[in-house]
Amino acid sequence: QVQLAESGGGLVQAGGTLTLSCAASGRTFSRNPMAWFRQAPGKERELVATINYGGDTYYSDSVKGRFTISGDYAKNAVYLRMNSLKPEDTAVYYCAADTRTDYGMTYDAPEFDVWGQGTLVTVSE
């Protein structure tokens, strides 16, 4: 059974740093694009960042310059380092994989077919 498990969420003050981790089990994602999404209370799920096997990355405008996505495909893991956190970054963060795409880049939530359970990030004033 394919599973993604996020970790690293928590409470942090504005301006602080957190690093989220996503570990995959059940199969390898050696060629598949992976991403981080987030969903704040009362809002739709939004793409935060995505990465492919070639190391190409994409960031939403709201996090560009503050967040960094990285992948260790040998360890079947993806990370999200979040610097200069703001209260508006408060959300549940989800890791996702698009197992139906090899080498390419994926951006839209419906294209990702494997999701983690999410980890809560709370940024206080």
N, C-alpha and C. Protein backbone atom coordinates (compact mmCIF):
# COMPACT_ATOMS: atom_id res chain seq x y z
N GLN A 1 0.84 -1.19 0.00
CA GLN A 1 0.00 0.00 0.00
C GLN A 1 0.88 1.24 0.00
N VAL A 2 0.60 2.14 -0.93
CA VAL A 2 1.38 3.36 -1.06
C VAL A 2 0.95 4.35 0.02
N GLN A 3 1.93 4.92 0.70
CA GLN A 3 1.62 5.90 1.74
C GLN A 3 2.65 7.04 1.74
N LEU A 4 2.16 8.22 2.08
CA LEU A 4 3.02 9.37 2.33
C LEU A 4 2.76 9.83 3.75
N ALA A 5 3.82 10.15 4.47
CA ALA A 5 3.67 10.59 5.85
C ALA A 5 4.46 11.86 6.07
N GLU A 6 3.76 12.93 6.45
CA GLU A 6 4.41 14.19 6.73
C GLU A 6 4.78 14.28 8.21
N SER A 7 5.79 15.07 8.48
CA SER A 7 6.20 15.36 9.85
C SER A 7 6.88 16.71 9.88
N GLY A 8 7.03 17.25 11.08
CA GLY A 8 7.77 18.50 11.24
C GLY A 8 6.92 19.72 11.51
N GLY A 9 5.59 19.56 11.47
CA GLY A 9 4.74 20.70 11.75
C GLY A 9 4.78 21.08 13.22
N GLY A 10 4.20 22.23 13.53
CA GLY A 10 4.16 22.68 14.91
C GLY A 10 3.85 24.14 15.02
N LEU A 11 4.09 24.68 16.19
CA LEU A 11 3.84 26.09 16.48
C LEU A 11 5.15 26.85 16.43
N VAL A 12 5.14 27.96 15.71
CA VAL A 12 6.35 28.77 15.57
C VAL A 12 5.96 30.24 15.55
N GLN A 13 6.83 31.08 16.02
CA GLN A 13 6.55 32.51 16.00
C GLN A 13 6.82 33.08 14.61
N ALA A 14 6.16 34.16 14.30
CA ALA A 14 6.39 34.84 13.03
C ALA A 14 7.87 35.17 12.88
N GLY A 15 8.39 34.93 11.68
CA GLY A 15 9.80 35.13 11.42
C GLY A 15 10.63 33.89 11.62
N GLY A 16 10.04 32.87 12.20
CA GLY A 16 10.75 31.64 12.49
C GLY A 16 10.86 30.71 11.30
N THR A 17 11.46 29.55 11.58
CA THR A 17 11.74 28.55 10.54
C THR A 17 11.22 27.18 10.96
N LEU A 18 10.68 26.47 10.00
CA LEU A 18 10.31 25.07 10.18
C LEU A 18 10.70 24.31 8.94
N THR A 19 11.02 23.03 9.12
CA THR A 19 11.27 22.15 7.98
C THR A 19 10.32 20.97 8.06
N LEU A 20 9.53 20.80 7.03
CA LEU A 20 8.62 19.67 6.93
C LEU A 20 9.29 18.55 6.15
N SER A 21 8.98 17.33 6.55
CA SER A 21 9.49 16.16 5.85
C SER A 21 8.33 15.31 5.39
N CYS A 22 8.53 14.63 4.27
CA CYS A 22 7.53 13.72 3.73
C CYS A 22 8.25 12.44 3.35
N ALA A 23 7.87 11.34 3.98
CA ALA A 23 8.47 10.05 3.70
C ALA A 23 7.48 9.15 2.99
N ALA A 24 7.93 8.51 1.93
CA ALA A 24 7.08 7.63 1.16
C ALA A 24 7.39 6.18 1.50
N SER A 25 6.37 5.36 1.48
CA SER A 25 6.55 3.93 1.71
C SER A 25 5.62 3.16 0.79
N GLY A 26 5.95 1.92 0.55
CA GLY A 26 5.10 1.07 -0.26
C GLY A 26 5.52 1.00 -1.71
N ARG A 27 6.18 2.05 -2.18
CA ARG A 27 6.73 2.06 -3.53
C ARG A 27 7.70 3.23 -3.61
N THR A 28 8.46 3.27 -4.67
CA THR A 28 9.39 4.38 -4.85
C THR A 28 8.75 5.42 -5.77
N PHE A 29 9.18 6.66 -5.59
CA PHE A 29 8.71 7.76 -6.43
C PHE A 29 9.89 8.33 -7.20
N SER A 30 10.70 7.43 -7.74
CA SER A 30 11.99 7.86 -8.28
C SER A 30 11.87 8.77 -9.49
N ARG A 31 10.73 8.73 -10.18
CA ARG A 31 10.61 9.58 -11.37
C ARG A 31 9.42 10.52 -11.30
N ASN A 32 8.69 10.46 -10.22
CA ASN A 32 7.42 11.17 -10.16
C ASN A 32 7.57 12.56 -9.55
N PRO A 33 6.82 13.52 -10.07
CA PRO A 33 6.79 14.82 -9.42
C PRO A 33 6.11 14.73 -8.06
N MET A 34 6.62 15.53 -7.13
CA MET A 34 6.03 15.58 -5.80
C MET A 34 5.85 17.04 -5.41
N ALA A 35 4.95 17.26 -4.46
CA ALA A 35 4.60 18.63 -4.14
C ALA A 35 4.16 18.77 -2.70
N TRP A 36 4.14 20.01 -2.27
CA TRP A 36 3.53 20.40 -1.00
C TRP A 36 2.35 21.31 -1.31
N PHE A 37 1.23 21.00 -0.69
CA PHE A 37 0.05 21.84 -0.73
C PHE A 37 -0.26 22.29 0.69
N ARG A 38 -1.12 23.26 0.81
CA ARG A 38 -1.59 23.65 2.14
C ARG A 38 -3.04 24.08 2.06
N GLN A 39 -3.71 23.94 3.21
CA GLN A 39 -5.10 24.36 3.30
C GLN A 39 -5.31 25.06 4.62
N ALA A 40 -5.65 26.32 4.55
CA ALA A 40 -5.95 27.10 5.74
C ALA A 40 -7.44 26.98 6.05
N PRO A 41 -7.83 27.22 7.29
CA PRO A 41 -9.25 27.12 7.66
C PRO A 41 -10.12 28.01 6.78
N GLY A 42 -11.16 27.42 6.21
CA GLY A 42 -12.08 28.17 5.39
C GLY A 42 -11.60 28.49 4.00
N LYS A 43 -10.43 27.96 3.64
CA LYS A 43 -9.88 28.26 2.32
C LYS A 43 -9.67 26.97 1.54
N GLU A 44 -9.52 27.13 0.22
CA GLU A 44 -9.27 25.97 -0.62
C GLU A 44 -7.80 25.53 -0.50
N ARG A 45 -7.59 24.27 -0.82
CA ARG A 45 -6.22 23.75 -0.84
C ARG A 45 -5.44 24.44 -1.97
N GLU A 46 -4.22 24.86 -1.68
CA GLU A 46 -3.43 25.55 -2.68
C GLU A 46 -2.03 24.94 -2.79
N LEU A 47 -1.49 25.02 -3.98
CA LEU A 47 -0.14 24.53 -4.22
C LEU A 47 0.86 25.47 -3.56
N VAL A 48 1.81 24.89 -2.84
CA VAL A 48 2.89 25.66 -2.24
C VAL A 48 4.14 25.56 -3.11
N ALA A 49 4.55 24.32 -3.41
CA ALA A 49 5.76 24.11 -4.20
C ALA A 49 5.71 22.71 -4.79
N THR A 50 6.39 22.54 -5.91
CA THR A 50 6.47 21.24 -6.54
C THR A 50 7.87 21.02 -7.07
N ILE A 51 8.25 19.76 -7.19
CA ILE A 51 9.59 19.40 -7.64
C ILE A 51 9.50 18.15 -8.49
N ASN A 52 10.40 18.03 -9.47
CA ASN A 52 10.44 16.81 -10.26
C ASN A 52 11.80 16.13 -10.12
N TYR A 53 11.93 14.98 -10.76
CA TYR A 53 13.14 14.19 -10.62
C TYR A 53 14.37 14.94 -11.11
N GLY A 54 14.19 15.81 -12.09
CA GLY A 54 15.30 16.58 -12.62
C GLY A 54 15.73 17.71 -11.72
N GLY A 55 14.99 17.93 -10.66
CA GLY A 55 15.32 19.01 -9.73
C GLY A 55 14.67 20.32 -10.05
N ASP A 56 13.84 20.35 -11.08
CA ASP A 56 13.09 21.57 -11.37
C ASP A 56 12.10 21.84 -10.25
N THR A 57 11.94 23.09 -9.92
CA THR A 57 11.03 23.46 -8.85
C THR A 57 10.11 24.59 -9.29
N TYR A 58 9.00 24.67 -8.59
CA TYR A 58 8.04 25.76 -8.82
C TYR A 58 7.49 26.16 -7.47
N TYR A 59 7.33 27.47 -7.27
CA TYR A 59 6.80 27.99 -6.01
C TYR A 59 5.63 28.92 -6.29
N SER A 60 4.66 28.90 -5.40
CA SER A 60 3.61 29.89 -5.48
C SER A 60 4.20 31.26 -5.14
N ASP A 61 3.59 32.29 -5.63
CA ASP A 61 4.10 33.64 -5.38
C ASP A 61 4.14 33.96 -3.89
N SER A 62 3.22 33.41 -3.14
CA SER A 62 3.12 33.74 -1.72
C SER A 62 4.29 33.20 -0.89
N VAL A 63 5.00 32.22 -1.41
CA VAL A 63 6.11 31.63 -0.64
C VAL A 63 7.45 31.78 -1.33
N LYS A 64 7.46 32.26 -2.56
CA LYS A 64 8.70 32.36 -3.32
C LYS A 64 9.70 33.22 -2.57
N GLY A 65 10.91 32.72 -2.46
CA GLY A 65 11.97 33.44 -1.76
C GLY A 65 12.04 33.13 -0.27
N ARG A 66 11.01 32.47 0.24
CA ARG A 66 10.99 32.13 1.68
C ARG A 66 11.04 30.61 1.91
N PHE A 67 10.40 29.86 1.02
CA PHE A 67 10.33 28.41 1.16
C PHE A 67 11.24 27.74 0.14
N THR A 68 11.75 26.57 0.50
CA THR A 68 12.57 25.78 -0.41
C THR A 68 12.13 24.33 -0.37
N ILE A 69 11.78 23.79 -1.54
CA ILE A 69 11.44 22.39 -1.65
C ILE A 69 12.67 21.64 -2.13
N SER A 70 12.88 20.46 -1.57
CA SER A 70 14.00 19.62 -2.00
C SER A 70 13.56 18.18 -1.94
N GLY A 71 14.21 17.37 -2.76
CA GLY A 71 13.86 15.97 -2.82
C GLY A 71 15.08 15.10 -2.69
N ASP A 72 14.95 14.03 -1.95
CA ASP A 72 15.98 13.01 -1.88
C ASP A 72 15.33 11.73 -2.38
N TYR A 73 15.38 11.56 -3.71
CA TYR A 73 14.66 10.44 -4.31
C TYR A 73 15.28 9.10 -3.92
N ALA A 74 16.54 9.10 -3.56
CA ALA A 74 17.16 7.85 -3.10
C ALA A 74 16.56 7.39 -1.78
N LYS A 75 16.14 8.36 -0.96
CA LYS A 75 15.52 8.05 0.33
C LYS A 75 14.01 8.11 0.24
N ASN A 76 13.48 8.39 -0.97
CA ASN A 76 12.04 8.45 -1.13
C ASN A 76 11.45 9.52 -0.21
N ALA A 77 12.07 10.69 -0.20
CA ALA A 77 11.65 11.74 0.72
C ALA A 77 11.65 13.10 0.04
N VAL A 78 10.77 13.95 0.51
CA VAL A 78 10.70 15.33 0.04
C VAL A 78 10.60 16.23 1.25
N TYR A 79 11.21 17.40 1.16
CA TYR A 79 11.27 18.32 2.29
C TYR A 79 10.77 19.70 1.88
N LEU A 80 10.34 20.45 2.87
CA LEU A 80 9.96 21.84 2.64
C LEU A 80 10.53 22.67 3.78
N ARG A 81 11.54 23.46 3.46
CA ARG A 81 12.11 24.36 4.45
C ARG A 81 11.40 25.69 4.34
N MET A 82 10.87 26.15 5.46
CA MET A 82 10.07 27.36 5.48
C MET A 82 10.75 28.39 6.36
N ASN A 83 11.22 29.45 5.74
CA ASN A 83 11.86 30.56 6.46
C ASN A 83 10.93 31.75 6.51
N SER A 84 11.24 32.66 7.41
CA SER A 84 10.50 33.93 7.52
C SER A 84 8.99 33.67 7.55
N LEU A 85 8.59 32.77 8.38
CA LEU A 85 7.17 32.39 8.42
C LEU A 85 6.29 33.56 8.86
N LYS A 86 5.10 33.59 8.28
CA LYS A 86 4.12 34.62 8.56
C LYS A 86 2.85 33.98 9.11
N PRO A 87 2.06 34.73 9.86
CA PRO A 87 0.80 34.15 10.35
C PRO A 87 -0.08 33.61 9.22
N GLU A 88 -0.03 34.22 8.07
CA GLU A 88 -0.85 33.74 6.95
C GLU A 88 -0.34 32.42 6.36
N ASP A 89 0.80 31.93 6.83
CA ASP A 89 1.27 30.60 6.43
C ASP A 89 0.63 29.50 7.26
N THR A 90 -0.14 29.88 8.26
CA THR A 90 -0.81 28.89 9.09
C THR A 90 -1.77 28.05 8.26
N ALA A 91 -1.60 26.74 8.32
CA ALA A 91 -2.40 25.83 7.50
C ALA A 91 -2.01 24.40 7.82
N VAL A 92 -2.80 23.48 7.31
CA VAL A 92 -2.39 22.08 7.27
C VAL A 92 -1.63 21.88 5.96
N TYR A 93 -0.44 21.35 6.07
CA TYR A 93 0.42 21.13 4.90
C TYR A 93 0.39 19.67 4.51
N TYR A 94 0.19 19.44 3.22
CA TYR A 94 0.07 18.09 2.69
C TYR A 94 1.17 17.83 1.67
N CYS A 95 1.71 16.62 1.73
CA CYS A 95 2.63 16.14 0.71
C CYS A 95 1.82 15.33 -0.30
N ALA A 96 2.20 15.42 -1.57
CA ALA A 96 1.47 14.71 -2.61
C ALA A 96 2.42 14.23 -3.69
N ALA A 97 2.04 13.14 -4.34
CA ALA A 97 2.82 12.58 -5.44
C ALA A 97 1.92 12.31 -6.63
N ASP A 98 2.45 12.55 -7.81
CA ASP A 98 1.74 12.23 -9.05
C ASP A 98 2.40 11.00 -9.65
N THR A 99 1.84 9.83 -9.34
CA THR A 99 2.47 8.58 -9.78
C THR A 99 2.21 8.27 -11.25
N ARG A 100 1.37 9.09 -11.89
CA ARG A 100 1.03 8.83 -13.28
C ARG A 100 1.90 9.63 -14.25
N THR A 101 2.82 10.42 -13.70
CA THR A 101 3.71 11.24 -14.52
C THR A 101 5.16 10.88 -14.20
N ASP A 102 5.93 10.67 -15.26
CA ASP A 102 7.36 10.42 -15.09
C ASP A 102 8.15 11.61 -15.62
N TYR A 103 9.07 12.09 -14.83
CA TYR A 103 10.03 13.13 -15.21
C TYR A 103 9.41 14.51 -15.39
N GLY A 104 8.12 14.59 -15.60
CA GLY A 104 7.52 15.89 -15.87
C GLY A 104 7.25 16.67 -14.61
N MET A 105 6.51 17.75 -14.78
CA MET A 105 6.17 18.64 -13.69
C MET A 105 4.65 18.66 -13.56
N THR A 106 4.16 18.67 -12.37
CA THR A 106 2.72 18.68 -12.13
C THR A 106 2.40 19.82 -11.17
N TYR A 107 1.26 20.48 -11.42
CA TYR A 107 0.92 21.67 -10.65
C TYR A 107 -0.48 21.60 -10.02
N ASP A 108 -1.38 20.86 -10.64
CA ASP A 108 -2.77 20.90 -10.21
C ASP A 108 -3.09 19.77 -9.24
N ALA A 109 -3.83 20.11 -8.17
CA ALA A 109 -4.14 19.13 -7.14
C ALA A 109 -4.81 17.86 -7.69
N PRO A 110 -5.76 17.95 -8.62
CA PRO A 110 -6.40 16.73 -9.11
C PRO A 110 -5.43 15.78 -9.83
N GLU A 111 -4.29 16.28 -10.26
CA GLU A 111 -3.32 15.42 -10.95
C GLU A 111 -2.50 14.58 -9.96
N PHE A 112 -2.50 14.96 -8.71
CA PHE A 112 -1.76 14.20 -7.70
C PHE A 112 -2.67 13.11 -7.14
N ASP A 113 -2.21 11.87 -7.20
CA ASP A 113 -3.08 10.76 -6.83
C ASP A 113 -2.73 10.12 -5.49
N VAL A 114 -1.62 10.52 -4.89
CA VAL A 114 -1.26 10.00 -3.57
C VAL A 114 -1.02 11.18 -2.64
N TRP A 115 -1.66 11.14 -1.48
CA TRP A 115 -1.60 12.25 -0.53
C TRP A 115 -1.26 11.74 0.87
N GLY A 116 -0.55 12.58 1.61
CA GLY A 116 -0.35 12.29 3.02
C GLY A 116 -1.53 12.77 3.84
N GLN A 117 -1.44 12.56 5.14
CA GLN A 117 -2.55 12.92 6.03
C GLN A 117 -2.49 14.38 6.47
N GLY A 118 -1.36 15.02 6.24
CA GLY A 118 -1.22 16.43 6.57
C GLY A 118 -0.54 16.66 7.92
N THR A 119 0.11 17.80 8.02
CA THR A 119 0.73 18.22 9.28
C THR A 119 0.41 19.69 9.50
N LEU A 120 0.02 20.03 10.72
CA LEU A 120 -0.43 21.39 11.00
C LEU A 120 0.75 22.30 11.31
N VAL A 121 0.77 23.44 10.65
CA VAL A 121 1.75 24.50 10.92
C VAL A 121 0.97 25.71 11.41
N THR A 122 1.33 26.18 12.58
CA THR A 122 0.69 27.36 13.16
C THR A 122 1.75 28.41 13.42
N VAL A 123 1.53 29.58 12.84
CA VAL A 123 2.48 30.69 13.00
C VAL A 123 1.81 31.78 13.82
N SER A 124 2.38 32.07 14.97
CA SER A 124 1.80 33.07 15.85
C SER A 124 2.41 34.44 15.59
N GLU A 125 1.69 35.48 16.00
CA GLU A 125 2.17 36.86 15.79
C GLU A 125 3.43 37.13 16.58
